[in-house]
C-alpha atoms as a PDB file:
ATOM      1  CA  MET A   1      -1.484  14.384 -89.013  1.00  0.00           C
ATOM      2  CA  SER A   2      -2.796  16.337 -85.660  1.00  0.00           C
ATOM      3  CA  TYR A   3      -1.959  18.962 -83.972  1.00  0.00           C
ATOM      4  CA  ILE A   4      -3.651  21.945 -81.413  1.00  0.00           C
ATOM      5  CA  GLY A   5      -2.342  25.097 -81.315  1.00  0.00           C
ATOM      6  CA  LYS A   6       0.819  23.980 -83.308  1.00  0.00           C
ATOM      7  CA  GLN A   7       2.251  23.272 -86.773  1.00  0.00           C
ATOM      8  CA  PRO A   8       0.957  19.831 -88.019  1.00  0.00           C
ATOM      9  CA  ARG A   9       3.151  16.977 -88.370  1.00  0.00           C
ATOM     10  CA  LYS A  10       2.740  13.350 -89.526  1.00  0.00           C
ATOM     11  CA  ALA A  11       3.190  11.821 -85.807  1.00  0.00           C
ATOM     12  CA  ALA A  12       1.236  10.574 -83.176  1.00  0.00           C
ATOM     13  CA  LEU A  13       0.084  12.997 -81.119  1.00  0.00           C
ATOM     14  CA  THR A  14       2.092  13.375 -77.991  1.00  0.00           C
ATOM     15  CA  ALA A  15       1.861  16.050 -74.856  1.00  0.00           C
ATOM     16  CA  SER A  16       4.419  18.150 -76.576  1.00  0.00           C
ATOM     17  CA  ASP A  17       2.342  18.427 -79.837  1.00  0.00           C
ATOM     18  CA  ILE A  18      -0.169  20.506 -76.851  1.00  0.00           C
ATOM     19  CA  GLU A  19       0.451  23.839 -76.452  1.00  0.00           C
ATOM     20  CA  ASP A  20       0.218  24.891 -72.581  1.00  0.00           C
ATOM     21  CA  GLY A  21      -3.476  25.983 -71.570  1.00  0.00           C
ATOM     22  CA  ILE A  22      -5.245  24.782 -74.258  1.00  0.00           C
ATOM     23  CA  ILE A  23      -6.974  21.503 -73.121  1.00  0.00           C
ATOM     24  CA  THR A  24      -8.634  23.124 -69.924  1.00  0.00           C
ATOM     25  CA  ALA A  25     -10.917  21.177 -67.704  1.00  0.00           C
ATOM     26  CA  ALA A  26     -14.006  23.493 -69.870  1.00  0.00           C
ATOM     27  CA  LYS A  27     -13.091  21.729 -72.786  1.00  0.00           C
ATOM     28  CA  ILE A  28     -12.826  18.459 -71.031  1.00  0.00           C
ATOM     29  CA  GLU A  29     -16.583  16.367 -71.512  1.00  0.00           C
ATOM     30  CA  ASP A  30     -17.398  14.969 -67.895  1.00  0.00           C
ATOM     31  CA  GLY A  31     -16.508  11.200 -68.614  1.00  0.00           C
ATOM     32  CA  ALA A  32     -14.431  11.348 -71.331  1.00  0.00           C
ATOM     33  CA  VAL A  33     -10.992  10.788 -69.406  1.00  0.00           C
ATOM     34  CA  VAL A  34     -11.058   7.673 -67.893  1.00  0.00           C
ATOM     35  CA  ALA A  35      -8.751   5.668 -65.873  1.00  0.00           C
ATOM     36  CA  ALA A  36      -7.644   3.210 -69.063  1.00  0.00           C
ATOM     37  CA  GLU A  37      -6.691   6.091 -71.426  1.00  0.00           C
ATOM     38  CA  ILE A  38      -4.633   7.648 -68.446  1.00  0.00           C
ATOM     39  CA  ALA A  39      -0.662   6.177 -68.412  1.00  0.00           C
ATOM     40  CA  SER A  40       0.562   4.860 -65.252  1.00  0.00           C
ATOM     41  CA  ASN A  41       1.965   7.148 -63.437  1.00  0.00           C
ATOM     42  CA  ALA A  42       1.039   9.882 -65.932  1.00  0.00           C
ATOM     43  CA  VAL A  43      -0.453  12.092 -63.738  1.00  0.00           C
ATOM     44  CA  THR A  44       2.142  13.431 -60.976  1.00  0.00           C
ATOM     45  CA  THR A  45       1.525  16.041 -57.867  1.00  0.00           C
ATOM     46  CA  ALA A  46       3.201  18.194 -59.990  1.00  0.00           C
ATOM     47  CA  LYS A  47       1.202  18.257 -63.000  1.00  0.00           C
ATOM     48  CA  ILE A  48      -2.205  18.849 -60.640  1.00  0.00           C
ATOM     49  CA  ASN A  49      -2.736  22.684 -59.189  1.00  0.00           C
ATOM     50  CA  ALA A  50      -2.372  23.254 -55.909  1.00  0.00           C
ATOM     51  CA  ASP A  51      -6.196  23.154 -54.822  1.00  0.00           C
ATOM     52  CA  ALA A  52      -7.517  21.737 -57.642  1.00  0.00           C
ATOM     53  CA  VAL A  53      -9.048  18.212 -56.605  1.00  0.00           C
ATOM     54  CA  THR A  54     -11.337  18.552 -54.115  1.00  0.00           C
ATOM     55  CA  ALA A  55     -13.899  16.461 -52.233  1.00  0.00           C
ATOM     56  CA  ALA A  56     -16.559  17.387 -54.917  1.00  0.00           C
ATOM     57  CA  LYS A  57     -14.364  15.931 -57.580  1.00  0.00           C
ATOM     58  CA  ILE A  58     -13.219  12.461 -55.656  1.00  0.00           C
ATOM     59  CA  ALA A  59     -16.150  10.361 -56.296  1.00  0.00           C
ATOM     60  CA  ASP A  60     -17.514   8.024 -52.949  1.00  0.00           C
ATOM     61  CA  ASP A  61     -15.229   5.156 -51.882  1.00  0.00           C
ATOM     62  CA  ALA A  62     -13.012   6.318 -55.345  1.00  0.00           C
ATOM     63  CA  VAL A  63      -9.999   6.284 -52.507  1.00  0.00           C
ATOM     64  CA  GLY A  64      -9.248   3.177 -50.840  1.00  0.00           C
ATOM     65  CA  THR A  65      -6.349   1.748 -49.104  1.00  0.00           C
ATOM     66  CA  ASP A  66      -4.485   0.867 -52.142  1.00  0.00           C
ATOM     67  CA  GLN A  67      -4.082   4.240 -53.160  1.00  0.00           C
ATOM     68  CA  ILE A  68      -3.023   5.717 -49.634  1.00  0.00           C
ATOM     69  CA  ALA A  69       0.550   5.585 -49.494  1.00  0.00           C
ATOM     70  CA  GLY A  70       1.749   3.036 -46.377  1.00  0.00           C
ATOM     71  CA  ASP A  71       3.959   6.523 -44.522  1.00  0.00           C
ATOM     72  CA  ALA A  72       1.275   8.804 -45.807  1.00  0.00           C
ATOM     73  CA  ALA A  73       0.756  11.346 -42.886  1.00  0.00           C
ATOM     74  CA  ILE A  74      -3.043  13.038 -42.508  1.00  0.00           C
ATOM     75  CA  SER A  75      -2.880  16.412 -41.407  1.00  0.00           C
ATOM     76  CA  THR A  76      -5.846  18.698 -40.420  1.00  0.00           C
ATOM     77  CA  SER A  77      -7.163  21.235 -38.433  1.00  0.00           C
ATOM     78  CA  GLY A  78     -10.652  20.160 -38.409  1.00  0.00           C
ATOM     79  CA  ALA A  79     -12.342  17.090 -36.724  1.00  0.00           C
ATOM     80  CA  ILE A  80     -11.826  13.548 -37.954  1.00  0.00           C
ATOM     81  CA  THR A  81     -14.633  11.534 -37.656  1.00  0.00           C
ATOM     82  CA  THR A  82     -15.292   8.081 -38.506  1.00  0.00           C
ATOM     83  CA  THR A  83     -18.633   5.319 -37.462  1.00  0.00           C
ATOM     84  CA  GLY A  84     -16.364   2.525 -37.764  1.00  0.00           C
ATOM     85  CA  ALA A  85     -13.461   1.056 -35.729  1.00  0.00           C
ATOM     86  CA  PHE A  86     -10.834   3.467 -35.528  1.00  0.00           C
ATOM     87  CA  THR A  87      -7.178   1.212 -34.997  1.00  0.00           C
ATOM     88  CA  SER A  88      -3.401   2.496 -34.888  1.00  0.00           C
ATOM     89  CA  ILE A  89      -0.331   1.425 -33.266  1.00  0.00           C
ATOM     90  CA  GLY A  90      -1.607   1.048 -29.494  1.00  0.00           C
ATOM     91  CA  ILE A  91      -5.149   2.251 -29.964  1.00  0.00           C
ATOM     92  CA  ASP A  92      -8.268  -0.665 -30.884  1.00  0.00           C
ATOM     93  CA  ASP A  93     -11.020   0.913 -31.090  1.00  0.00           C
ATOM     94  CA  ASN A  94     -14.402  -1.222 -30.984  1.00  0.00           C
ATOM     95  CA  SER A  95     -16.491   0.421 -28.367  1.00  0.00           C
ATOM     96  CA  ASP A  96     -20.312   0.971 -29.822  1.00  0.00           C
ATOM     97  CA  ALA A  97     -20.537   3.975 -27.844  1.00  0.00           C
ATOM     98  CA  VAL A  98     -18.226   7.377 -26.062  1.00  0.00           C
ATOM     99  CA  ALA A  99     -15.808   5.396 -23.557  1.00  0.00           C
ATOM    100  CA  MET A 100     -12.942   8.342 -23.329  1.00  0.00           C
ATOM    101  CA  THR A 101     -13.386  11.766 -23.847  1.00  0.00           C
ATOM    102  CA  ILE A 102     -10.085  14.452 -23.624  1.00  0.00           C
ATOM    103  CA  THR A 103     -11.667  17.786 -22.807  1.00  0.00           C
ATOM    104  CA  ASP A 104     -10.249  21.578 -24.007  1.00  0.00           C
ATOM    105  CA  ALA A 105      -8.783  21.697 -20.781  1.00  0.00           C
ATOM    106  CA  GLU A 106      -6.485  18.159 -21.209  1.00  0.00           C
ATOM    107  CA  LYS A 107      -8.369  16.198 -18.807  1.00  0.00           C
ATOM    108  CA  ILE A 108      -9.618  13.086 -19.470  1.00  0.00           C
ATOM    109  CA  GLY A 109     -12.768  11.042 -18.754  1.00  0.00           C
ATOM    110  CA  ILE A 110     -13.347   7.077 -18.826  1.00  0.00           C
ATOM    111  CA  GLY A 111     -17.053   6.700 -18.891  1.00  0.00           C
ATOM    112  CA  GLU A 112     -17.134  10.396 -18.091  1.00  0.00           C
ATOM    113  CA  THR A 113     -17.580  13.276 -20.759  1.00  0.00           C
ATOM    114  CA  ALA A 114     -16.770  16.027 -18.346  1.00  0.00           C
ATOM    115  CA  PRO A 115     -14.157  14.656 -16.252  1.00  0.00           C
ATOM    116  CA  LEU A 116     -13.918  16.378 -12.327  1.00  0.00           C
ATOM    117  CA  GLY A 117     -10.126  16.106 -12.530  1.00  0.00           C
ATOM    118  CA  LYS A 118      -7.029  14.812 -14.588  1.00  0.00           C
ATOM    119  CA  LEU A 119      -8.522  11.609 -14.757  1.00  0.00           C
ATOM    120  CA  HIS A 120     -11.376  10.629 -14.294  1.00  0.00           C
ATOM    121  CA  VAL A 121     -12.417   7.021 -14.316  1.00  0.00           C
ATOM    122  CA  LYS A 122     -16.355   6.190 -13.675  1.00  0.00           C
ATOM    123  CA  SER A 123     -18.372   3.216 -13.791  1.00  0.00           C
ATOM    124  CA  GLY A 124     -21.448   4.997 -11.474  1.00  0.00           C
ATOM    125  CA  ASP A 125     -22.761   8.534 -10.659  1.00  0.00           C
ATOM    126  CA  SER A 126     -21.601   9.156  -6.853  1.00  0.00           C
ATOM    127  CA  GLY A 127     -23.045  12.521  -6.791  1.00  0.00           C
ATOM    128  CA  VAL A 128     -19.970  14.241  -5.885  1.00  0.00           C
ATOM    129  CA  SER A 129     -19.480  17.332  -7.999  1.00  0.00           C
ATOM    130  CA  SER A 130     -16.441  18.801  -6.116  1.00  0.00           C
ATOM    131  CA  PRO A 131     -13.882  16.075  -5.248  1.00  0.00           C
ATOM    132  CA  ASP A 132     -11.054  17.159  -2.655  1.00  0.00           C
ATOM    133  CA  ILE A 133      -8.202  15.654  -4.684  1.00  0.00           C
ATOM    134  CA  THR A 134      -8.272  16.289  -8.534  1.00  0.00           C
ATOM    135  CA  GLU A 135      -5.171  14.924 -10.009  1.00  0.00           C
ATOM    136  CA  LEU A 136      -7.140  11.063 -10.041  1.00  0.00           C
ATOM    137  CA  VAL A 137     -10.691  10.499  -9.770  1.00  0.00           C
ATOM    138  CA  VAL A 138     -12.117   7.458  -9.228  1.00  0.00           C
ATOM    139  CA  GLU A 139     -16.484   6.877  -9.114  1.00  0.00           C
ATOM    140  CA  THR A 140     -18.840   4.663  -8.877  1.00  0.00           C
ATOM    141  CA  ALA A 141     -22.293   4.710  -7.792  1.00  0.00           C
ATOM    142  CA  SER A 142     -22.108   1.762  -4.869  1.00  0.00           C
ATOM    143  CA  ASN A 143     -18.829  -0.168  -3.588  1.00  0.00           C
ATOM    144  CA  GLY A 144     -15.816   0.344  -5.712  1.00  0.00           C
ATOM    145  CA  GLY A 145     -12.090   0.793  -5.918  1.00  0.00           C
ATOM    146  CA  ILE A 146      -8.259   0.299  -6.873  1.00  0.00           C
ATOM    147  CA  SER A 147      -6.859  -3.489  -7.957  1.00  0.00           C
ATOM    148  CA  LEU A 148      -3.151  -3.494  -7.061  1.00  0.00           C
ATOM    149  CA  LEU A 149      -2.166  -6.838  -8.124  1.00  0.00           C
ATOM    150  CA  GLY A 150       1.416  -8.306  -8.045  1.00  0.00           C
ATOM    151  CA  ALA A 151       3.055 -11.950  -7.971  1.00  0.00           C
ATOM    152  CA  THR A 152       2.615 -14.142  -4.821  1.00  0.00           C
ATOM    153  CA  ASP A 153       5.908 -13.152  -3.874  1.00  0.00           C
ATOM    154  CA  GLY A 154       6.019  -9.815  -4.801  1.00  0.00           C
ATOM    155  CA  GLN A 155       4.816  -6.327  -3.213  1.00  0.00           C
ATOM    156  CA  VAL A 156       2.292  -4.054  -4.078  1.00  0.00           C
ATOM    157  CA  GLU A 157       2.302  -0.542  -2.723  1.00  0.00           C
ATOM    158  CA  ILE A 158       1.325   3.207  -2.837  1.00  0.00           C
ATOM    159  CA  ALA A 159       4.712   5.347  -2.337  1.00  0.00           C
ATOM    160  CA  PHE A 160       4.430   9.185  -1.229  1.00  0.00           C
ATOM    161  CA  GLY A 161       7.444  11.137  -1.642  1.00  0.00           C
ATOM    162  CA  ASP A 162       9.415  14.376  -2.849  1.00  0.00           C
ATOM    163  CA  SER A 163      12.102  15.919  -4.141  1.00  0.00           C
ATOM    164  CA  GLY A 164      14.267  14.621  -1.385  1.00  0.00           C
ATOM    165  CA  ASP A 165      13.152  11.099  -0.959  1.00  0.00           C
ATOM    166  CA  ALA A 166      10.593   9.800  -4.124  1.00  0.00           C
ATOM    167  CA  ASN A 167       9.212   6.987  -1.263  1.00  0.00           C
ATOM    168  CA  ILE A 168       9.660   8.668   1.766  1.00  0.00           C
ATOM    169  CA  GLY A 169       6.118   7.363   2.912  1.00  0.00           C
ATOM    170  CA  ARG A 170       4.181   4.154   1.813  1.00  0.00           C
ATOM    171  CA  ILE A 171       1.421   1.803   2.760  1.00  0.00           C
ATOM    172  CA  ALA A 172       2.624  -1.520   1.375  1.00  0.00           C
ATOM    173  CA  TYR A 173       1.094  -5.103   0.887  1.00  0.00           C
ATOM    174  CA  ASN A 174       3.471  -7.701   0.887  1.00  0.00           C
ATOM    175  CA  ASN A 175       1.832 -11.137  -0.646  1.00  0.00           C
ATOM    176  CA  ASN A 176       5.109 -13.475   0.265  1.00  0.00           C
ATOM    177  CA  GLY A 177       4.192 -12.618   3.767  1.00  0.00           C
ATOM    178  CA  ASN A 178       0.454 -11.240   3.743  1.00  0.00           C
ATOM    179  CA  TYR A 179       1.374  -8.707   5.743  1.00  0.00           C
ATOM    180  CA  LEU A 180       0.393  -4.414   5.074  1.00  0.00           C
ATOM    181  CA  ALA A 181       3.043  -2.034   6.230  1.00  0.00           C
ATOM    182  CA  THR A 182       2.835   1.565   6.800  1.00  0.00           C
ATOM    183  CA  VAL A 183       6.343   3.531   6.334  1.00  0.00           C
ATOM    184  CA  VAL A 184       7.010   6.712   7.634  1.00  0.00           C
ATOM    185  CA  ASN A 185       9.668   9.071   7.147  1.00  0.00           C
ATOM    186  CA  ALA A 186      11.728   6.071   5.265  1.00  0.00           C
ATOM    187  CA  ALA A 187      11.080   3.599   8.684  1.00  0.00           C
ATOM    188  CA  GLU A 188       8.243   1.119   8.642  1.00  0.00           C
ATOM    189  CA  ALA A 189       6.231   2.704  11.579  1.00  0.00           C
ATOM    190  CA  MET A 190       3.073   0.310  11.766  1.00  0.00           C
ATOM    191  CA  ARG A 191       2.633  -3.692  10.167  1.00  0.00           C
ATOM    192  CA  ILE A 192      -0.939  -5.511  10.287  1.00  0.00           C
ATOM    193  CA  HIS A 193       0.508  -9.303  10.518  1.00  0.00           C
ATOM    194  CA  SER A 194      -1.079 -11.751   8.582  1.00  0.00           C
ATOM    195  CA  ASN A 195      -2.845 -13.286  11.851  1.00  0.00           C
ATOM    196  CA  SER A 196      -4.191  -9.386  12.227  1.00  0.00           C
ATOM    197  CA  VAL A 197      -2.259  -8.659  15.065  1.00  0.00           C
ATOM    198  CA  VAL A 198      -1.194  -5.234  14.964  1.00  0.00           C
ATOM    199  CA  SER A 199       2.879  -3.850  16.069  1.00  0.00           C
ATOM    200  CA  PHE A 200       3.843  -0.079  16.318  1.00  0.00           C
ATOM    201  CA  ASP A 201       7.839   0.078  15.994  1.00  0.00           C
ATOM    202  CA  ASP A 202       7.870   2.987  18.408  1.00  0.00           C
ATOM    203  CA  GLY A 203       4.685   2.497  20.653  1.00  0.00           C
ATOM    204  CA  ILE A 204       1.506   4.258  20.907  1.00  0.00           C
ATOM    205  CA  ALA A 205       0.250   7.447  22.493  1.00  0.00           C
ATOM    206  CA  LEU A 206      -2.496   7.366  24.466  1.00  0.00           C
ATOM    207  CA  GLY A 207      -4.472  10.639  24.739  1.00  0.00           C
ATOM    208  CA  VAL A 208      -1.462  13.107  24.210  1.00  0.00           C
ATOM    209  CA  GLY A 209      -2.903  14.208  20.558  1.00  0.00           C
ATOM    210  CA  ALA A 210      -0.864  14.484  17.672  1.00  0.00           C
ATOM    211  CA  GLY A 211       1.379  17.515  18.864  1.00  0.00           C
ATOM    212  CA  ASN A 212       2.746  15.572  22.189  1.00  0.00           C
ATOM    213  CA  ASN A 213       3.518  12.087  20.575  1.00  0.00           C
ATOM    214  CA  THR A 214       6.849  12.242  23.233  1.00  0.00           C
ATOM    215  CA  ALA A 215       4.939  12.656  26.323  1.00  0.00           C
ATOM    216  CA  SER A 216       5.428   9.928  29.553  1.00  0.00           C
ATOM    217  CA  ASN A 217       2.049   8.111  28.367  1.00  0.00           C
ATOM    218  CA  VAL A 218       3.442   6.461  25.196  1.00  0.00           C
ATOM    219  CA  LEU A 219       2.933   2.654  25.388  1.00  0.00           C
ATOM    220  CA  ASP A 220       5.965   1.515  24.238  1.00  0.00           C
ATOM    221  CA  ASP A 221       5.639  -1.814  25.193  1.00  0.00           C
ATOM    222  CA  TYR A 222       3.069  -4.429  26.132  1.00  0.00           C
ATOM    223  CA  GLU A 223       4.062  -8.485  26.609  1.00  0.00           C
ATOM    224  CA  GLU A 224       2.323 -11.505  27.881  1.00  0.00           C
ATOM    225  CA  GLY A 225       3.848 -15.288  28.594  1.00  0.00           C
ATOM    226  CA  THR A 226       5.159 -17.528  31.048  1.00  0.00           C
ATOM    227  CA  PHE A 227       8.610 -18.082  32.968  1.00  0.00           C
ATOM    228  CA  THR A 228       9.607 -20.694  35.699  1.00  0.00           C
ATOM    229  CA  PRO A 229      10.071 -19.564  39.208  1.00  0.00           C
ATOM    230  CA  VAL A 230      12.110 -21.720  41.879  1.00  0.00           C
ATOM    231  CA  PHE A 231      12.820 -21.345  45.424  1.00  0.00           C
ATOM    232  CA  ALA A 232      16.339 -19.216  45.323  1.00  0.00           C
ATOM    233  CA  THR A 233      17.220 -19.630  49.287  1.00  0.00           C
ATOM    234  CA  GLY A 234      15.418 -20.743  52.223  1.00  0.00           C
ATOM    235  CA  THR A 235      15.093 -24.782  50.944  1.00  0.00           C
ATOM    236  CA  SER A 236      17.842 -27.129  49.683  1.00  0.00           C
ATOM    237  CA  GLY A 237      16.805 -29.513  47.225  1.00  0.00           C
ATOM    238  CA  SER A 238      15.204 -29.366  43.312  1.00  0.00           C
ATOM    239  CA  ASN A 239      12.025 -31.254  44.240  1.00  0.00           C
ATOM    240  CA  TYR A 240       9.116 -29.456  43.114  1.00  0.00           C
ATOM    241  CA  VAL A 241       5.255 -30.980  41.923  1.00  0.00           C
ATOM    242  CA  SER A 242       4.645 -27.996  39.924  1.00  0.00           C
ATOM    243  CA  GLN A 243       5.923 -24.780  38.832  1.00  0.00           C
ATOM    244  CA  ALA A 244       4.128 -21.608  37.068  1.00  0.00           C
ATOM    245  CA  GLY A 245       4.164 -18.162  36.269  1.00  0.00           C
ATOM    246  CA  ARG A 246       2.485 -16.085  34.036  1.00  0.00           C
ATOM    247  CA  TYR A 247       3.273 -12.106  33.961  1.00  0.00           C
ATOM    248  CA  THR A 248       1.704  -9.117  31.931  1.00  0.00           C
ATOM    249  CA  LYS A 249       4.261  -6.249  31.156  1.00  0.00           C
ATOM    250  CA  ILE A 250       2.389  -2.763  30.074  1.00  0.00           C
ATOM    251  CA  GLY A 251       4.945  -0.129  29.393  1.00  0.00           C
ATOM    252  CA  ASP A 252       7.199  -0.992  32.697  1.00  0.00           C
ATOM    253  CA  GLN A 253       4.865  -2.503  35.068  1.00  0.00           C
ATOM    254  CA  CYS A 254       4.810  -5.534  34.908  1.00  0.00           C
ATOM    255  CA  LEU A 255       1.757  -7.938  36.840  1.00  0.00           C
ATOM    256  CA  PHE A 256       2.378 -11.618  37.421  1.00  0.00           C
ATOM    257  CA  GLN A 257       1.240 -14.798  39.232  1.00  0.00           C
ATOM    258  CA  ILE A 258       3.115 -17.611  40.602  1.00  0.00           C
ATOM    259  CA  GLN A 259       1.774 -21.239  41.530  1.00  0.00           C
ATOM    260  CA  LEU A 260       4.416 -23.234  43.173  1.00  0.00           C
ATOM    261  CA  ARG A 261       4.336 -26.697  45.119  1.00  0.00           C
ATOM    262  CA  GLY A 262       7.460 -28.928  46.167  1.00  0.00           C
ATOM    263  CA  ASN A 263       7.954 -32.407  46.969  1.00  0.00           C
ATOM    264  CA  GLY A 264      10.739 -33.281  49.882  1.00  0.00           C
ATOM    265  CA  LEU A 265      12.298 -29.924  50.240  1.00  0.00           C
ATOM    266  CA  SER A 266      14.391 -29.628  53.208  1.00  0.00           C
ATOM    267  CA  ALA A 267      13.881 -25.931  54.883  1.00  0.00           C
ATOM    268  CA  THR A 268      17.262 -23.945  55.565  1.00  0.00           C
ATOM    269  CA  THR A 269      17.665 -20.936  58.112  1.00  0.00           C
ATOM    270  CA  ALA A 270      18.118 -18.543  54.829  1.00  0.00           C
ATOM    271  CA  GLN A 271      15.493 -15.838  54.508  1.00  0.00           C
ATOM    272  CA  LEU A 272      13.126 -17.393  51.949  1.00  0.00           C
ATOM    273  CA  GLN A 273      13.068 -16.559  48.465  1.00  0.00           C
ATOM    274  CA  ILE A 274      11.761 -17.242  44.951  1.00  0.00           C
ATOM    275  CA  GLY A 275      13.816 -16.724  41.926  1.00  0.00           C
ATOM    276  CA  GLY A 276      12.980 -16.614  38.244  1.00  0.00           C
ATOM    277  CA  LEU A 277      10.516 -13.653  37.584  1.00  0.00           C
ATOM    278  CA  PRO A 278      10.796 -12.190  34.021  1.00  0.00           C
ATOM    279  CA  PHE A 279      12.126  -8.833  34.351  1.00  0.00           C
ATOM    280  CA  VAL A 280      14.489  -7.256  36.280  1.00  0.00           C
ATOM    281  CA  SER A 281      13.228  -4.853  38.987  1.00  0.00           C
ATOM    282  CA  LYS A 282      14.145  -1.235  38.672  1.00  0.00           C
ATOM    283  CA  ASN A 283      16.858  -0.258  40.821  1.00  0.00           C
ATOM    284  CA  ALA A 284      15.639   2.579  42.791  1.00  0.00           C
ATOM    285  CA  ALA A 285      13.093   3.334  45.526  1.00  0.00           C
ATOM    286  CA  PRO A 286      10.346   2.891  45.196  1.00  0.00           C
ATOM    287  CA  TYR A 287      10.740   1.318  42.258  1.00  0.00           C
ATOM    288  CA  GLY A 288      11.799  -2.767  43.659  1.00  0.00           C
ATOM    289  CA  GLY A 289       8.367  -3.484  44.522  1.00  0.00           C
ATOM    290  CA  ALA A 290       5.619  -2.996  46.689  1.00  0.00           C
ATOM    291  CA  SER A 291       5.017  -5.122  49.553  1.00  0.00           C
ATOM    292  CA  LEU A 292       1.992  -6.958  49.225  1.00  0.00           C
ATOM    293  CA  ASN A 293       0.004  -9.475  51.590  1.00  0.00           C
ATOM    294  CA  PHE A 294       1.246 -13.073  51.210  1.00  0.00           C
ATOM    295  CA  ASN A 295      -2.813 -14.610  50.400  1.00  0.00           C
ATOM    296  CA  TYR A 296      -1.870 -18.073  51.478  1.00  0.00           C
ATOM    297  CA  GLY A 297       0.176 -18.264  54.924  1.00  0.00           C
ATOM    298  CA  PHE A 298       3.014 -20.256  55.755  1.00  0.00           C
ATOM    299  CA  LYS A 299       2.406 -20.330  59.293  1.00  0.00           C
ATOM    300  CA  ASN A 300      -0.329 -20.390  61.828  1.00  0.00           C
ATOM    301  CA  ASP A 301       0.309 -16.801  63.801  1.00  0.00           C
ATOM    302  CA  GLY A 302      -0.571 -14.668  60.912  1.00  0.00           C
ATOM    303  CA  ASP A 303       0.308 -13.939  57.240  1.00  0.00           C
ATOM    304  CA  ILE A 304       4.142 -13.081  56.120  1.00  0.00           C
ATOM    305  CA  THR A 305       4.652  -9.849  53.138  1.00  0.00           C
ATOM    306  CA  PHE A 306       6.832  -9.818  50.312  1.00  0.00           C
ATOM    307  CA  HIS A 307       8.465  -7.038  47.923  1.00  0.00           C
ATOM    308  CA  ILE A 308      10.880  -7.603  45.034  1.00  0.00           C
ATOM    309  CA  ALA A 309      14.522  -6.834  46.022  1.00  0.00           C
ATOM    310  CA  SER A 310      15.520  -3.762  43.436  1.00  0.00           C
ATOM    311  CA  ASN A 311      17.722  -4.468  40.340  1.00  0.00           C
ATOM    312  CA  SER A 312      16.667  -8.269  40.353  1.00  0.00           C
ATOM    313  CA  GLN A 313      14.532 -11.155  39.296  1.00  0.00           C
ATOM    314  CA  LEU A 314      13.617 -11.890  43.087  1.00  0.00           C
ATOM    315  CA  ILE A 315      10.888 -12.029  45.817  1.00  0.00           C
ATOM    316  CA  ILE A 316      11.917 -11.779  49.612  1.00  0.00           C
ATOM    317  CA  PHE A 317       9.799 -12.495  52.615  1.00  0.00           C
ATOM    318  CA  TYR A 318       8.900 -10.796  55.845  1.00  0.00           C
ATOM    319  CA  GLU A 319       7.367 -11.167  58.788  1.00  0.00           C
ATOM    320  CA  ASN A 320       4.584  -8.580  59.351  1.00  0.00           C
ATOM    321  CA  SER A 321       6.917  -7.092  62.027  1.00  0.00           C
ATOM    322  CA  GLY A 322       9.463  -6.395  59.175  1.00  0.00           C
ATOM    323  CA  SER A 323      12.509  -9.303  60.641  1.00  0.00           C
ATOM    324  CA  ASN A 324      13.051 -12.245  57.902  1.00  0.00           C
ATOM    325  CA  PHE A 325      10.618 -15.007  57.276  1.00  0.00           C
ATOM    326  CA  LEU A 326      13.141 -17.826  57.338  1.00  0.00           C
ATOM    327  CA  GLY A 327      12.822 -21.360  55.600  1.00  0.00           C
ATOM    328  CA  ASN A 328      12.693 -22.922  58.747  1.00  0.00           C
ATOM    329  CA  GLU A 329       9.866 -20.992  59.942  1.00  0.00           C
ATOM    330  CA  ALA A 330       7.397 -22.347  57.343  1.00  0.00           C
ATOM    331  CA  ASN A 331       4.986 -25.075  58.448  1.00  0.00           C
ATOM    332  CA  ASN A 332       5.373 -27.012  55.434  1.00  0.00           C
ATOM    333  CA  ILE A 333       7.829 -26.270  52.803  1.00  0.00           C
ATOM    334  CA  ASN A 334       5.864 -28.595  50.402  1.00  0.00           C
ATOM    335  CA  ASN A 335       2.955 -26.306  50.481  1.00  0.00           C
ATOM    336  CA  GLU A 336       1.489 -24.700  47.632  1.00  0.00           C
ATOM    337  CA  ILE A 337       2.621 -21.273  47.026  1.00  0.00           C
ATOM    338  CA  ILE A 338      -0.114 -19.112  45.232  1.00  0.00           C
ATOM    339  CA  LEU A 339       1.669 -15.627  44.816  1.00  0.00           C
ATOM    340  CA  HIS A 340       0.014 -12.081  42.991  1.00  0.00           C
ATOM    341  CA  GLY A 341       2.130  -9.313  42.763  1.00  0.00           C
ATOM    342  CA  GLN A 342       3.258  -6.067  40.650  1.00  0.00           C
ATOM    343  CA  TYR A 343       6.900  -4.160  40.215  1.00  0.00           C
ATOM    344  CA  ILE A 344       8.315  -1.823  38.049  1.00  0.00           C
ATOM    345  CA  THR A 345      10.572  -3.127  35.906  1.00  0.00           C
ATOM    346  CA  ALA A 346      14.303  -1.648  35.071  1.00  0.00           C
END
């Protein structure tokens, strides 16, 4: 018979035979109760006094992964320190030194323990202690930058926006066309093409400053090209040895060169004219084109002059006296004609 604090009876000693509070920790010798003497699930949370299990009562390495439930939560107001790798969903830390720091000001430093911005990525010290923009700081001691990578047929960009338009401004590189575009006020304003040519949608303001970009000295057009000059009047037939014209258009100014030679063309009594200029002239004096000296004479008694007819693409020839220069007044209509001129376009 066995009893502790209760009346004896002939039976095995059970928990009900032990008076509450009889067995205390002071009455149990160290090592007296081992795991083999405790039934599985015998010790539950309800049987452990609050704060009864302290770190001093847990042997080193006594609590392993198998003793912690899979959904166990850890809550602490103190620091958690580990000397080994830390792994959780989304984080796998295998670094051998401090790689990232989160400060009490909620700033994040990668490669920097005292971040200078909300996010500070550092591969080397630039010497800058107070950056102008602090939302994102990328720092290096030499050459560095940010890589924006996309598909070969895609586009990568930096967008600028506000509450009204999330990408009202953009700097975009198109991998498919291999061009760099700048978008301002939701419209493309400038493009650097794959051949390094730069184009502007509405022109370039020269020497006017940012506050006066609609002034008359905005260069809104530049073009170079060729055209085919032809005798419009003063000759008959269509036999030419050569016909070549080149032009450069800057804004509304068109500069041109003409080389023209006939072969068996017949002269007529009509006023000699050459057509085929690349642009229509302005239809108001003096925009019809200034008279210039003709630098290769048709006849022996002196030079002739020409001007561009208003609102046309015609070169009209005159005598120095001002009278019309006729086709049959030329010494030889098959001679080479070389002209250099300029006129204002419509």
